[in-house]
Amino acid sequence: MAKIVTYQDLVVWQKSMELAKSIYHFVWSLPPEEKYALGDQMRRAVVSIPSNIAEGQARKTTKDFVHFLYIARGSNAELMTHLLLCQSLGYIDEKRLRNLKEGSD
């Protein structure tokens, strides 16, 4: 097992960065009127996930790290809510939604 030196070594941070890239690509496909409304909310939520993981790990205490992981989890729930709204509005199909939720878009 590789030694964790920085947050960049964390698999969860790496995966959340991939999710962020996927969400940015998805937002570009939204209708123009949603790119700056719903799209902005989605970008903020997804960027918050790896950012909070990084901040928590950088604080070097387990208590702080766990606290920031909970915040990242909340941002993930917010993002998933936005994606479900996109689905109900017809902006995303079931397959792409599933891929984004699984982190494999």
Protein backbone atom coordinates (compact mmCIF):
# COMPACT_ATOMS: atom_id res chain seq x y z
CA MET A 1 0.00 0.00 0.00
CA ALA A 2 1.37 3.40 -0.97
CA LYS A 3 2.13 5.90 1.76
CA ILE A 4 -0.21 8.88 1.98
CA VAL A 5 1.90 12.03 1.97
CA THR A 6 -0.55 14.61 0.63
CA TYR A 7 -4.22 14.74 -0.21
CA GLN A 8 -3.25 14.06 -3.84
CA ASP A 9 -2.29 10.52 -2.79
CA LEU A 10 -5.84 9.81 -1.58
CA VAL A 11 -7.87 7.71 -4.02
CA VAL A 12 -11.06 9.45 -2.90
CA TRP A 13 -9.54 12.84 -3.81
CA GLN A 14 -8.40 11.49 -7.20
CA LYS A 15 -11.86 10.10 -7.95
CA SER A 16 -13.55 13.30 -6.87
CA MET A 17 -11.33 15.25 -9.26
CA GLU A 18 -12.42 12.94 -12.08
CA LEU A 19 -16.03 13.49 -11.06
CA ALA A 20 -15.46 17.25 -11.17
CA LYS A 21 -14.12 17.02 -14.71
CA SER A 22 -17.09 14.90 -15.77
CA ILE A 23 -19.56 17.35 -14.26
CA TYR A 24 -17.87 20.29 -15.98
CA HIS A 25 -18.22 18.45 -19.30
CA PHE A 26 -21.87 17.68 -18.55
CA VAL A 27 -22.65 21.29 -17.62
CA TRP A 28 -21.40 22.41 -21.04
CA SER A 29 -24.21 20.30 -22.55
CA LEU A 30 -26.97 22.02 -20.56
CA PRO A 31 -29.33 24.44 -22.30
CA PRO A 32 -27.96 28.01 -22.28
CA GLU A 33 -30.46 29.21 -19.69
CA GLU A 34 -29.28 26.52 -17.25
CA LYS A 35 -25.51 26.90 -17.67
CA TYR A 36 -25.47 29.89 -15.35
CA ALA A 37 -28.17 28.77 -12.95
CA LEU A 38 -28.29 25.04 -12.29
CA GLY A 39 -24.89 24.56 -13.95
CA ASP A 40 -23.25 27.04 -11.61
CA GLN A 41 -24.72 25.27 -8.58
CA MET A 42 -23.45 21.93 -9.88
CA ARG A 43 -19.95 23.29 -10.47
CA ARG A 44 -19.80 24.78 -6.99
CA ALA A 45 -20.97 21.55 -5.37
CA VAL A 46 -18.59 19.30 -7.31
CA VAL A 47 -15.57 21.55 -6.71
CA SER A 48 -16.37 21.53 -3.01
CA ILE A 49 -15.92 17.76 -2.81
CA PRO A 50 -12.16 17.45 -3.57
CA SER A 51 -11.52 20.85 -1.99
CA ASN A 52 -12.88 19.74 1.37
CA ILE A 53 -11.07 16.41 1.19
CA ALA A 54 -7.83 18.30 0.55
CA GLU A 55 -8.41 20.83 3.31
CA GLY A 56 -9.28 18.17 5.85
CA GLN A 57 -6.21 16.06 5.07
CA ALA A 58 -3.96 19.11 5.13
CA ARG A 59 -5.05 20.01 8.65
CA LYS A 60 -3.24 16.90 9.91
CA THR A 61 -5.69 15.89 12.64
CA THR A 62 -8.11 13.00 12.39
CA LYS A 63 -10.90 15.08 13.91
CA ASP A 64 -10.52 17.84 11.31
CA PHE A 65 -10.16 15.34 8.48
CA VAL A 66 -13.37 13.54 9.43
CA HIS A 67 -15.20 16.87 9.78
CA PHE A 68 -14.20 17.93 6.26
CA LEU A 69 -15.07 14.49 4.87
CA TYR A 70 -18.59 15.01 6.20
CA ILE A 71 -18.75 18.38 4.44
CA ALA A 72 -17.54 16.73 1.20
CA ARG A 73 -20.23 14.07 1.61
CA GLY A 74 -22.84 16.80 1.98
CA SER A 75 -21.60 18.47 -1.21
CA ASN A 76 -21.85 15.13 -2.97
CA ALA A 77 -25.48 14.77 -1.83
CA GLU A 78 -26.16 18.29 -3.12
CA LEU A 79 -24.62 17.39 -6.49
CA MET A 80 -26.64 14.17 -6.73
CA THR A 81 -29.81 16.18 -6.06
CA HIS A 82 -28.90 18.53 -8.93
CA LEU A 83 -28.33 15.56 -11.22
CA LEU A 84 -31.71 14.06 -10.30
CA LEU A 85 -33.32 17.42 -11.07
CA CYS A 86 -31.54 17.42 -14.43
CA GLN A 87 -32.97 13.99 -15.11
CA SER A 88 -36.50 15.06 -14.22
CA LEU A 89 -36.13 18.08 -16.54
CA GLY A 90 -34.92 15.85 -19.38
CA TYR A 91 -31.38 17.23 -19.47
CA ILE A 92 -29.71 13.88 -18.78
CA ASP A 93 -30.61 10.31 -19.66
CA GLU A 94 -30.56 7.37 -17.28
CA LYS A 95 -27.31 5.90 -18.64
CA ARG A 96 -25.30 9.11 -18.32
CA LEU A 97 -26.77 9.77 -14.88
CA ARG A 98 -25.76 6.30 -13.74
CA ASN A 99 -22.26 6.78 -15.18
CA LEU A 100 -21.83 10.11 -13.41
CA LYS A 101 -23.08 8.64 -10.13
CA GLU A 102 -20.59 5.78 -10.51
CA GLY A 103 -17.81 8.15 -11.51
CA SER A 104 -17.32 6.64 -14.95
CA ASP A 105 -18.74 9.22 -17.38
